[in-house]
PDB file of all heavy atoms in Angstrom:
ATOM      1  N   LEU A   1      86.202  98.809 -63.168  1.00  0.00           N
ATOM      2  CA  LEU A   1      85.330  99.944 -62.856  1.00  0.00           C
ATOM      3  C   LEU A   1      85.893 100.763 -61.696  1.00  0.00           C
ATOM      4  O   LEU A   1      85.726 101.983 -61.654  1.00  0.00           O
ATOM      5  CB  LEU A   1      83.930  99.441 -62.514  1.00  0.00           C
ATOM      6  CG  LEU A   1      83.150  98.797 -63.659  1.00  0.00           C
ATOM      7  CD1 LEU A   1      81.861  98.182 -63.141  1.00  0.00           C
ATOM      8  CD2 LEU A   1      82.846  99.830 -64.747  1.00  0.00           C
ATOM      9  N   GLY A   2      86.524 100.078 -60.768  1.00  0.00           N
ATOM     10  CA  GLY A   2      87.210 100.782 -59.679  1.00  0.00           C
ATOM     11  C   GLY A   2      86.312 101.598 -58.769  1.00  0.00           C
ATOM     12  O   GLY A   2      86.760 102.596 -58.203  1.00  0.00           O
ATOM     13  N   CYS A   3      85.060 101.182 -58.609  1.00  0.00           N
ATOM     14  CA  CYS A   3      84.144 101.953 -57.763  1.00  0.00           C
ATOM     15  C   CYS A   3      84.203 101.457 -56.324  1.00  0.00           C
ATOM     16  O   CYS A   3      84.693 100.362 -56.049  1.00  0.00           O
ATOM     17  CB  CYS A   3      82.713 101.870 -58.291  1.00  0.00           C
ATOM     18  SG  CYS A   3      81.941 100.244 -58.118  1.00  0.00           S
ATOM     19  N   VAL A   4      83.705 102.284 -55.407  1.00  0.00           N
ATOM     20  CA  VAL A   4      83.661 101.927 -53.993  1.00  0.00           C
ATOM     21  C   VAL A   4      82.218 102.103 -53.521  1.00  0.00           C
ATOM     22  O   VAL A   4      81.812 103.187 -53.106  1.00  0.00           O
ATOM     23  CB  VAL A   4      84.615 102.814 -53.162  1.00  0.00           C
ATOM     24  CG1 VAL A   4      84.677 102.334 -51.719  1.00  0.00           C
ATOM     25  CG2 VAL A   4      86.007 102.837 -53.779  1.00  0.00           C
ATOM     26  N   PRO A   5      81.411 101.047 -53.581  1.00  0.00           N
ATOM     27  CA  PRO A   5      79.970 101.164 -53.327  1.00  0.00           C
ATOM     28  C   PRO A   5      79.598 101.120 -51.846  1.00  0.00           C
ATOM     29  O   PRO A   5      79.010 100.170 -51.357  1.00  0.00           O
ATOM     30  CB  PRO A   5      79.402  99.956 -54.072  1.00  0.00           C
ATOM     31  CG  PRO A   5      80.479  98.932 -53.976  1.00  0.00           C
ATOM     32  CD  PRO A   5      81.776  99.684 -54.030  1.00  0.00           C
ATOM     33  N   PHE A   6      79.961 102.196 -51.110  1.00  0.00           N
ATOM     34  CA  PHE A   6      79.602 102.229 -49.694  1.00  0.00           C
ATOM     35  C   PHE A   6      78.292 102.961 -49.434  1.00  0.00           C
ATOM     36  O   PHE A   6      77.733 102.877 -48.346  1.00  0.00           O
ATOM     37  CB  PHE A   6      80.725 102.860 -48.853  1.00  0.00           C
ATOM     38  CG  PHE A   6      81.129 104.244 -49.273  1.00  0.00           C
ATOM     39  CD1 PHE A   6      80.339 105.344 -48.974  1.00  0.00           C
ATOM     40  CD2 PHE A   6      82.316 104.452 -49.956  1.00  0.00           C
ATOM     41  CE1 PHE A   6      80.725 106.624 -49.355  1.00  0.00           C
ATOM     42  CE2 PHE A   6      82.713 105.723 -50.342  1.00  0.00           C
ATOM     43  CZ  PHE A   6      81.911 106.818 -50.033  1.00  0.00           C
ATOM     44  N   SER A   7      77.796 103.692 -50.435  1.00  0.00           N
ATOM     45  CA  SER A   7      76.506 104.381 -50.293  1.00  0.00           C
ATOM     46  C   SER A   7      75.860 104.498 -51.665  1.00  0.00           C
ATOM     47  O   SER A   7      76.520 104.323 -52.694  1.00  0.00           O
ATOM     48  CB  SER A   7      76.686 105.776 -49.682  1.00  0.00           C
ATOM     49  OG  SER A   7      77.274 106.661 -50.619  1.00  0.00           O
ATOM     50  N   TRP A   8      74.576 104.820 -51.663  1.00  0.00           N
ATOM     51  CA  TRP A   8      73.878 104.969 -52.935  1.00  0.00           C
ATOM     52  C   TRP A   8      74.513 106.076 -53.764  1.00  0.00           C
ATOM     53  O   TRP A   8      74.644 105.954 -54.983  1.00  0.00           O
ATOM     54  CB  TRP A   8      72.399 105.263 -52.683  1.00  0.00           C
ATOM     55  CG  TRP A   8      71.549 105.124 -53.912  1.00  0.00           C
ATOM     56  CD1 TRP A   8      70.937 103.995 -54.368  1.00  0.00           C
ATOM     57  CD2 TRP A   8      71.236 106.156 -54.858  1.00  0.00           C
ATOM     58  NE1 TRP A   8      70.251 104.255 -55.533  1.00  0.00           N
ATOM     59  CE2 TRP A   8      70.420 105.587 -55.863  1.00  0.00           C
ATOM     60  CE3 TRP A   8      71.569 107.510 -54.952  1.00  0.00           C
ATOM     61  CZ2 TRP A   8      69.928 106.313 -56.932  1.00  0.00           C
ATOM     62  CZ3 TRP A   8      71.084 108.251 -56.031  1.00  0.00           C
ATOM     63  CH2 TRP A   8      70.262 107.641 -57.018  1.00  0.00           C
ATOM     64  N   ALA A   9      74.928 107.153 -53.112  1.00  0.00           N
ATOM     65  CA  ALA A   9      75.544 108.268 -53.837  1.00  0.00           C
ATOM     66  C   ALA A   9      76.879 107.869 -54.454  1.00  0.00           C
ATOM     67  O   ALA A   9      77.247 108.355 -55.527  1.00  0.00           O
ATOM     68  CB  ALA A   9      75.728 109.467 -52.902  1.00  0.00           C
ATOM     69  N   SER A  10      77.605 106.972 -53.789  1.00  0.00           N
ATOM     70  CA  SER A  10      78.921 106.579 -54.297  1.00  0.00           C
ATOM     71  C   SER A  10      78.818 105.600 -55.458  1.00  0.00           C
ATOM     72  O   SER A  10      79.729 105.504 -56.283  1.00  0.00           O
ATOM     73  CB  SER A  10      79.762 105.956 -53.175  1.00  0.00           C
ATOM     74  OG  SER A  10      79.282 104.656 -52.852  1.00  0.00           O
ATOM     75  N   SER A  11      77.713 104.846 -55.527  1.00  0.00           N
ATOM     76  CA  SER A  11      77.511 103.902 -56.620  1.00  0.00           C
ATOM     77  C   SER A  11      76.092 103.351 -56.568  1.00  0.00           C
ATOM     78  O   SER A  11      75.845 102.330 -55.920  1.00  0.00           O
ATOM     79  CB  SER A  11      78.516 102.741 -56.531  1.00  0.00           C
ATOM     80  OG  SER A  11      78.296 101.823 -57.584  1.00  0.00           O
ATOM     81  N   PRO A  12      75.150 104.015 -57.228  1.00  0.00           N
ATOM     82  CA  PRO A  12      73.765 103.534 -57.205  1.00  0.00           C
ATOM     83  C   PRO A  12      73.632 102.080 -57.647  1.00  0.00           C
ATOM     84  O   PRO A  12      72.965 101.272 -56.996  1.00  0.00           O
ATOM     85  CB  PRO A  12      73.046 104.482 -58.166  1.00  0.00           C
ATOM     86  CG  PRO A  12      73.843 105.745 -58.107  1.00  0.00           C
ATOM     87  CD  PRO A  12      75.269 105.295 -57.967  1.00  0.00           C
ATOM     88  N   ALA A  13      74.287 101.726 -58.759  1.00  0.00           N
ATOM     89  CA  ALA A  13      74.194 100.352 -59.261  1.00  0.00           C
ATOM     90  C   ALA A  13      74.852  99.377 -58.299  1.00  0.00           C
ATOM     91  O   ALA A  13      74.345  98.275 -58.071  1.00  0.00           O
ATOM     92  CB  ALA A  13      74.846 100.247 -60.637  1.00  0.00           C
ATOM     93  N   GLY A  14      75.984  99.769 -57.711  1.00  0.00           N
ATOM     94  CA  GLY A  14      76.695  98.881 -56.803  1.00  0.00           C
ATOM     95  C   GLY A  14      75.872  98.535 -55.574  1.00  0.00           C
ATOM     96  O   GLY A  14      75.782  97.375 -55.175  1.00  0.00           O
ATOM     97  N   VAL A  15      75.240  99.555 -54.979  1.00  0.00           N
ATOM     98  CA  VAL A  15      74.436  99.324 -53.778  1.00  0.00           C
ATOM     99  C   VAL A  15      73.154  98.571 -54.115  1.00  0.00           C
ATOM    100  O   VAL A  15      72.777  97.609 -53.435  1.00  0.00           O
ATOM    101  CB  VAL A  15      74.111 100.670 -53.085  1.00  0.00           C
ATOM    102  CG1 VAL A  15      73.073 100.470 -51.985  1.00  0.00           C
ATOM    103  CG2 VAL A  15      75.373 101.275 -52.511  1.00  0.00           C
ATOM    104  N   GLU A  16      72.478  98.981 -55.169  1.00  0.00           N
ATOM    105  CA  GLU A  16      71.208  98.345 -55.499  1.00  0.00           C
ATOM    106  C   GLU A  16      71.406  96.894 -55.956  1.00  0.00           C
ATOM    107  O   GLU A  16      70.567  96.028 -55.658  1.00  0.00           O
ATOM    108  CB  GLU A  16      70.463  99.164 -56.552  1.00  0.00           C
ATOM    109  CG  GLU A  16      70.003 100.521 -56.018  1.00  0.00           C
ATOM    110  CD  GLU A  16      68.942 101.182 -56.888  1.00  0.00           C
ATOM    111  OE1 GLU A  16      68.364 100.491 -57.755  1.00  0.00           O
ATOM    112  OE2 GLU A  16      68.702 102.397 -56.694  1.00  0.00           O
ATOM    113  N   LEU A  17      72.503  96.618 -56.669  1.00  0.00           N
ATOM    114  CA  LEU A  17      72.757  95.240 -57.080  1.00  0.00           C
ATOM    115  C   LEU A  17      73.057  94.369 -55.857  1.00  0.00           C
ATOM    116  O   LEU A  17      72.628  93.210 -55.796  1.00  0.00           O
ATOM    117  CB  LEU A  17      73.919  95.172 -58.068  1.00  0.00           C
ATOM    118  CG  LEU A  17      74.187  93.775 -58.648  1.00  0.00           C
ATOM    119  CD1 LEU A  17      72.993  93.283 -59.460  1.00  0.00           C
ATOM    120  CD2 LEU A  17      75.452  93.770 -59.516  1.00  0.00           C
ATOM    121  N   GLU A  18      73.766  94.933 -54.884  1.00  0.00           N
ATOM    122  CA  GLU A  18      74.052  94.168 -53.674  1.00  0.00           C
ATOM    123  C   GLU A  18      72.759  93.828 -52.938  1.00  0.00           C
ATOM    124  O   GLU A  18      72.569  92.701 -52.477  1.00  0.00           O
ATOM    125  CB  GLU A  18      75.001  94.942 -52.758  1.00  0.00           C
ATOM    126  CG  GLU A  18      75.492  94.130 -51.584  1.00  0.00           C
ATOM    127  CD  GLU A  18      76.793  94.645 -50.993  1.00  0.00           C
ATOM    128  OE1 GLU A  18      77.618  95.207 -51.756  1.00  0.00           O
ATOM    129  OE2 GLU A  18      76.996  94.483 -49.786  1.00  0.00           O
ATOM    130  N   HIS A  19      71.852  94.808 -52.839  1.00  0.00           N
ATOM    131  CA  HIS A  19      70.561  94.533 -52.211  1.00  0.00           C
ATOM    132  C   HIS A  19      69.806  93.438 -52.968  1.00  0.00           C
ATOM    133  O   HIS A  19      69.195  92.551 -52.356  1.00  0.00           O
ATOM    134  CB  HIS A  19      69.716  95.806 -52.168  1.00  0.00           C
ATOM    135  CG  HIS A  19      70.214  96.822 -51.190  1.00  0.00           C
ATOM    136  ND1 HIS A  19      69.714  98.106 -51.134  1.00  0.00           N
ATOM    137  CD2 HIS A  19      71.154  96.757 -50.226  1.00  0.00           C
ATOM    138  CE1 HIS A  19      70.331  98.769 -50.175  1.00  0.00           C
ATOM    139  NE2 HIS A  19      71.208  97.976 -49.612  1.00  0.00           N
ATOM    140  N   LEU A  20      69.875  93.495 -54.293  1.00  0.00           N
ATOM    141  CA  LEU A  20      69.140  92.543 -55.120  1.00  0.00           C
ATOM    142  C   LEU A  20      69.688  91.128 -54.975  1.00  0.00           C
ATOM    143  O   LEU A  20      68.929  90.176 -54.746  1.00  0.00           O
ATOM    144  CB  LEU A  20      69.194  92.967 -56.586  1.00  0.00           C
ATOM    145  CG  LEU A  20      68.522  92.015 -57.585  1.00  0.00           C
ATOM    146  CD1 LEU A  20      67.015  91.978 -57.349  1.00  0.00           C
ATOM    147  CD2 LEU A  20      68.834  92.423 -59.018  1.00  0.00           C
ATOM    148  N   VAL A  21      71.029  90.970 -55.106  1.00  0.00           N
ATOM    149  CA  VAL A  21      71.583  89.606 -55.060  1.00  0.00           C
ATOM    150  C   VAL A  21      71.467  88.997 -53.661  1.00  0.00           C
ATOM    151  O   VAL A  21      71.351  87.773 -53.528  1.00  0.00           O
ATOM    152  CB  VAL A  21      73.049  89.557 -55.560  1.00  0.00           C
ATOM    153  CG1 VAL A  21      73.132  89.964 -57.016  1.00  0.00           C
ATOM    154  CG2 VAL A  21      73.981  90.390 -54.705  1.00  0.00           C
ATOM    155  N   LEU A  22      71.477  89.837 -52.619  1.00  0.00           N
ATOM    156  CA  LEU A  22      71.255  89.290 -51.273  1.00  0.00           C
ATOM    157  C   LEU A  22      69.835  88.751 -51.148  1.00  0.00           C
ATOM    158  O   LEU A  22      69.607  87.716 -50.506  1.00  0.00           O
ATOM    159  CB  LEU A  22      71.525  90.353 -50.217  1.00  0.00           C
ATOM    160  CG  LEU A  22      72.906  90.389 -49.558  1.00  0.00           C
ATOM    161  CD1 LEU A  22      73.142  89.147 -48.700  1.00  0.00           C
ATOM    162  CD2 LEU A  22      74.025  90.556 -50.569  1.00  0.00           C
ATOM    163  N   ASP A  23      68.875  89.418 -51.780  1.00  0.00           N
ATOM    164  CA  ASP A  23      67.510  88.886 -51.795  1.00  0.00           C
ATOM    165  C   ASP A  23      67.421  87.621 -52.637  1.00  0.00           C
ATOM    166  O   ASP A  23      66.739  86.658 -52.265  1.00  0.00           O
ATOM    167  CB  ASP A  23      66.537  89.945 -52.330  1.00  0.00           C
ATOM    168  CG  ASP A  23      66.184  90.998 -51.285  1.00  0.00           C
ATOM    169  OD1 ASP A  23      66.736  90.945 -50.171  1.00  0.00           O
ATOM    170  OD2 ASP A  23      65.349  91.877 -51.582  1.00  0.00           O
ATOM    171  N   TRP A  24      68.102  87.610 -53.778  1.00  0.00           N
ATOM    172  CA  TRP A  24      68.123  86.411 -54.620  1.00  0.00           C
ATOM    173  C   TRP A  24      68.616  85.200 -53.821  1.00  0.00           C
ATOM    174  O   TRP A  24      67.951  84.172 -53.758  1.00  0.00           O
ATOM    175  CB  TRP A  24      69.072  86.624 -55.807  1.00  0.00           C
ATOM    176  CG  TRP A  24      68.484  87.344 -56.985  1.00  0.00           C
ATOM    177  CD1 TRP A  24      67.313  88.048 -57.029  1.00  0.00           C
ATOM    178  CD2 TRP A  24      69.071  87.418 -58.286  1.00  0.00           C
ATOM    179  NE1 TRP A  24      67.138  88.574 -58.287  1.00  0.00           N
ATOM    180  CE2 TRP A  24      68.196  88.208 -59.078  1.00  0.00           C
ATOM    181  CE3 TRP A  24      70.238  86.938 -58.860  1.00  0.00           C
ATOM    182  CZ2 TRP A  24      68.461  88.491 -60.420  1.00  0.00           C
ATOM    183  CZ3 TRP A  24      70.506  87.219 -60.196  1.00  0.00           C
ATOM    184  CH2 TRP A  24      69.626  87.983 -60.961  1.00  0.00           C
ATOM    185  N   VAL A  25      69.800  85.341 -53.240  1.00  0.00           N
ATOM    186  CA  VAL A  25      70.403  84.209 -52.535  1.00  0.00           C
ATOM    187  C   VAL A  25      69.604  83.870 -51.281  1.00  0.00           C
ATOM    188  O   VAL A  25      69.422  82.692 -50.950  1.00  0.00           O
ATOM    189  CB  VAL A  25      71.879  84.503 -52.191  1.00  0.00           C
ATOM    190  CG1 VAL A  25      72.487  83.345 -51.393  1.00  0.00           C
ATOM    191  CG2 VAL A  25      72.688  84.742 -53.457  1.00  0.00           C
ATOM    192  N   GLY A  26      69.109  84.888 -50.587  1.00  0.00           N
ATOM    193  CA  GLY A  26      68.283  84.631 -49.403  1.00  0.00           C
ATOM    194  C   GLY A  26      67.073  83.772 -49.733  1.00  0.00           C
ATOM    195  O   GLY A  26      66.746  82.828 -49.000  1.00  0.00           O
ATOM    196  N   LYS A  27      66.431  84.057 -50.844  1.00  0.00           N
ATOM    197  CA  LYS A  27      65.284  83.254 -51.271  1.00  0.00           C
ATOM    198  C   LYS A  27      65.726  81.868 -51.728  1.00  0.00           C
ATOM    199  O   LYS A  27      65.038  80.869 -51.481  1.00  0.00           O
ATOM    200  CB  LYS A  27      64.544  83.969 -52.396  1.00  0.00           C
ATOM    201  CG  LYS A  27      63.870  85.270 -51.963  1.00  0.00           C
ATOM    202  CD  LYS A  27      63.297  86.030 -53.159  1.00  0.00           C
ATOM    203  CE  LYS A  27      62.708  87.387 -52.726  1.00  0.00           C
ATOM    204  NZ  LYS A  27      62.235  88.171 -53.883  1.00  0.00           N
ATOM    205  N   MET A  28      66.883  81.787 -52.388  1.00  0.00           N
ATOM    206  CA  MET A  28      67.385  80.505 -52.881  1.00  0.00           C
ATOM    207  C   MET A  28      67.660  79.526 -51.735  1.00  0.00           C
ATOM    208  O   MET A  28      67.435  78.324 -51.873  1.00  0.00           O
ATOM    209  CB  MET A  28      68.665  80.728 -53.711  1.00  0.00           C
ATOM    210  CG  MET A  28      68.422  81.356 -55.074  1.00  0.00           C
ATOM    211  SD  MET A  28      69.927  82.079 -55.815  1.00  0.00           S
ATOM    212  CE  MET A  28      70.989  80.642 -55.967  1.00  0.00           C
ATOM    213  N   VAL A  29      68.166  80.042 -50.602  1.00  0.00           N
ATOM    214  CA  VAL A  29      68.494  79.150 -49.483  1.00  0.00           C
ATOM    215  C   VAL A  29      67.342  79.004 -48.504  1.00  0.00           C
ATOM    216  O   VAL A  29      67.445  78.242 -47.535  1.00  0.00           O
ATOM    217  CB  VAL A  29      69.765  79.629 -48.736  1.00  0.00           C
ATOM    218  CG1 VAL A  29      70.957  79.676 -49.671  1.00  0.00           C
ATOM    219  CG2 VAL A  29      69.548  80.969 -48.049  1.00  0.00           C
ATOM    220  N   GLY A  30      66.236  79.724 -48.731  1.00  0.00           N
ATOM    221  CA  GLY A  30      65.055  79.539 -47.900  1.00  0.00           C
ATOM    222  C   GLY A  30      64.976  80.386 -46.650  1.00  0.00           C
ATOM    223  O   GLY A  30      64.311  80.007 -45.681  1.00  0.00           O
ATOM    224  N   LEU A  31      65.615  81.545 -46.641  1.00  0.00           N
ATOM    225  CA  LEU A  31      65.505  82.437 -45.487  1.00  0.00           C
ATOM    226  C   LEU A  31      64.110  83.047 -45.422  1.00  0.00           C
ATOM    227  O   LEU A  31      63.485  83.291 -46.462  1.00  0.00           O
ATOM    228  CB  LEU A  31      66.550  83.553 -45.566  1.00  0.00           C
ATOM    229  CG  LEU A  31      68.003  83.176 -45.287  1.00  0.00           C
ATOM    230  CD1 LEU A  31      68.906  84.392 -45.481  1.00  0.00           C
ATOM    231  CD2 LEU A  31      68.172  82.619 -43.886  1.00  0.00           C
ATOM    232  N   PRO A  32      63.615  83.320 -44.213  1.00  0.00           N
ATOM    233  CA  PRO A  32      62.303  83.958 -44.071  1.00  0.00           C
ATOM    234  C   PRO A  32      62.280  85.339 -44.724  1.00  0.00           C
ATOM    235  O   PRO A  32      63.321  85.992 -44.881  1.00  0.00           O
ATOM    236  CB  PRO A  32      62.122  84.073 -42.554  1.00  0.00           C
ATOM    237  CG  PRO A  32      63.011  83.016 -41.981  1.00  0.00           C
ATOM    238  CD  PRO A  32      64.189  82.932 -42.908  1.00  0.00           C
ATOM    239  N   GLU A  33      61.094  85.782 -45.075  1.00  0.00           N
ATOM    240  CA  GLU A  33      60.912  87.049 -45.787  1.00  0.00           C
ATOM    241  C   GLU A  33      61.499  88.228 -45.027  1.00  0.00           C
ATOM    242  O   GLU A  33      61.998  89.191 -45.638  1.00  0.00           O
ATOM    243  CB  GLU A  33      59.413  87.275 -46.045  1.00  0.00           C
ATOM    244  CG  GLU A  33      59.064  88.599 -46.710  1.00  0.00           C
ATOM    245  CD  GLU A  33      59.676  88.765 -48.099  1.00  0.00           C
ATOM    246  OE1 GLU A  33      59.923  87.741 -48.766  1.00  0.00           O
ATOM    247  OE2 GLU A  33      59.910  89.923 -48.503  1.00  0.00           O
ATOM    248  N   HIS A  34      61.455  88.196 -43.690  1.00  0.00           N
ATOM    249  CA  HIS A  34      61.909  89.372 -42.947  1.00  0.00           C
ATOM    250  C   HIS A  34      63.418  89.616 -43.063  1.00  0.00           C
ATOM    251  O   HIS A  34      63.908  90.658 -42.634  1.00  0.00           O
ATOM    252  CB  HIS A  34      61.498  89.291 -41.466  1.00  0.00           C
ATOM    253  CG  HIS A  34      61.985  88.076 -40.739  1.00  0.00           C
ATOM    254  ND1 HIS A  34      61.122  87.096 -40.268  1.00  0.00           N
ATOM    255  CD2 HIS A  34      63.229  87.666 -40.384  1.00  0.00           C
ATOM    256  CE1 HIS A  34      61.830  86.161 -39.655  1.00  0.00           C
ATOM    257  NE2 HIS A  34      63.095  86.485 -39.709  1.00  0.00           N
ATOM    258  N   PHE A  35      64.161  88.660 -43.629  1.00  0.00           N
ATOM    259  CA  PHE A  35      65.587  88.871 -43.858  1.00  0.00           C
ATOM    260  C   PHE A  35      65.866  89.581 -45.190  1.00  0.00           C
ATOM    261  O   PHE A  35      67.016  89.945 -45.454  1.00  0.00           O
ATOM    262  CB  PHE A  35      66.327  87.532 -43.852  1.00  0.00           C
ATOM    263  CG  PHE A  35      66.599  86.977 -42.491  1.00  0.00           C
ATOM    264  CD1 PHE A  35      65.912  85.864 -42.033  1.00  0.00           C
ATOM    265  CD2 PHE A  35      67.546  87.548 -41.654  1.00  0.00           C
ATOM    266  CE1 PHE A  35      66.153  85.332 -40.775  1.00  0.00           C
ATOM    267  CE2 PHE A  35      67.801  87.029 -40.390  1.00  0.00           C
ATOM    268  CZ  PHE A  35      67.096  85.921 -39.954  1.00  0.00           C
ATOM    269  N   MET A  36      64.864  89.759 -46.013  1.00  0.00           N
ATOM    270  CA  MET A  36      65.075  90.334 -47.332  1.00  0.00           C
ATOM    271  C   MET A  36      65.172  91.855 -47.265  1.00  0.00           C
ATOM    272  O   MET A  36      64.506  92.510 -46.468  1.00  0.00           O
ATOM    273  CB  MET A  36      63.933  89.951 -48.278  1.00  0.00           C
ATOM    274  CG  MET A  36      63.707  88.451 -48.453  1.00  0.00           C
ATOM    275  SD  MET A  36      65.147  87.581 -49.086  1.00  0.00           S
ATOM    276  CE  MET A  36      65.464  86.451 -47.740  1.00  0.00           C
ATOM    277  N   ASN A  37      65.992  92.432 -48.146  1.00  0.00           N
ATOM    278  CA  ASN A  37      66.057  93.889 -48.261  1.00  0.00           C
ATOM    279  C   ASN A  37      64.710  94.462 -48.686  1.00  0.00           C
ATOM    280  O   ASN A  37      64.351  95.565 -48.300  1.00  0.00           O
ATOM    281  CB  ASN A  37      67.137  94.292 -49.272  1.00  0.00           C
ATOM    282  CG  ASN A  37      68.545  94.130 -48.716  1.00  0.00           C
ATOM    283  OD1 ASN A  37      68.931  94.783 -47.756  1.00  0.00           O
ATOM    284  ND2 ASN A  37      69.325  93.245 -49.324  1.00  0.00           N
ATOM    285  N   SER A  38      63.973  93.686 -49.461  1.00  0.00           N
ATOM    286  CA  SER A  38      62.674  94.150 -49.959  1.00  0.00           C
ATOM    287  C   SER A  38      61.614  94.188 -48.875  1.00  0.00           C
ATOM    288  O   SER A  38      60.543  94.765 -49.068  1.00  0.00           O
ATOM    289  CB  SER A  38      62.203  93.237 -51.098  1.00  0.00           C
ATOM    290  OG  SER A  38      62.126  91.880 -50.661  1.00  0.00           O
ATOM    291  N   SER A  39      61.907  93.593 -47.700  1.00  0.00           N
ATOM    292  CA  SER A  39      60.912  93.535 -46.633  1.00  0.00           C
ATOM    293  C   SER A  39      60.712  94.875 -45.938  1.00  0.00           C
ATOM    294  O   SER A  39      59.667  95.124 -45.332  1.00  0.00           O
ATOM    295  CB  SER A  39      61.317  92.493 -45.590  1.00  0.00           C
ATOM    296  OG  SER A  39      62.448  92.939 -44.838  1.00  0.00           O
ATOM    297  N   GLY A  40      61.739  95.731 -46.001  1.00  0.00           N
ATOM    298  CA  GLY A  40      61.650  97.005 -45.298  1.00  0.00           C
ATOM    299  C   GLY A  40      61.937  96.876 -43.812  1.00  0.00           C
ATOM    300  O   GLY A  40      61.929  97.871 -43.081  1.00  0.00           O
ATOM    301  N   GLN A  41      62.211  95.662 -43.350  1.00  0.00           N
ATOM    302  CA  GLN A  41      62.496  95.430 -41.930  1.00  0.00           C
ATOM    303  C   GLN A  41      63.945  95.008 -41.727  1.00  0.00           C
ATOM    304  O   GLN A  41      64.679  95.641 -40.986  1.00  0.00           O
ATOM    305  CB  GLN A  41      61.583  94.345 -41.376  1.00  0.00           C
ATOM    306  CG  GLN A  41      61.897  93.945 -39.924  1.00  0.00           C
ATOM    307  CD  GLN A  41      61.063  92.774 -39.443  1.00  0.00           C
ATOM    308  OE1 GLN A  41      60.045  92.436 -40.051  1.00  0.00           O
ATOM    309  NE2 GLN A  41      61.477  92.142 -38.359  1.00  0.00           N
ATOM    310  N   GLY A  42      64.326  93.913 -42.374  1.00  0.00           N
ATOM    311  CA  GLY A  42      65.697  93.440 -42.289  1.00  0.00           C
ATOM    312  C   GLY A  42      66.426  93.690 -43.593  1.00  0.00           C
ATOM    313  O   GLY A  42      66.134  94.642 -44.312  1.00  0.00           O
ATOM    314  N   GLY A  43      67.359  92.815 -43.898  1.00  0.00           N
ATOM    315  CA  GLY A  43      68.092  92.961 -45.153  1.00  0.00           C
ATOM    316  C   GLY A  43      69.456  92.327 -45.064  1.00  0.00           C
ATOM    317  O   GLY A  43      69.816  91.709 -44.064  1.00  0.00           O
ATOM    318  N   GLY A  44      70.215  92.475 -46.145  1.00  0.00           N
ATOM    319  CA  GLY A  44      71.525  91.851 -46.187  1.00  0.00           C
ATOM    320  C   GLY A  44      72.548  92.686 -46.917  1.00  0.00           C
ATOM    321  O   GLY A  44      72.218  93.609 -47.666  1.00  0.00           O
TER     322      GLY A  44
END
């Protein structure tokens, strides 16, 4: 694909998938909610 996902404009799927899988793994290892991208406070 050769994309460079540094911003939503550069690759919407690339950025949003990164936010999603960081939440997936964060929940899998038991991180508190405030570390999730979905929290609106922290993220990964």
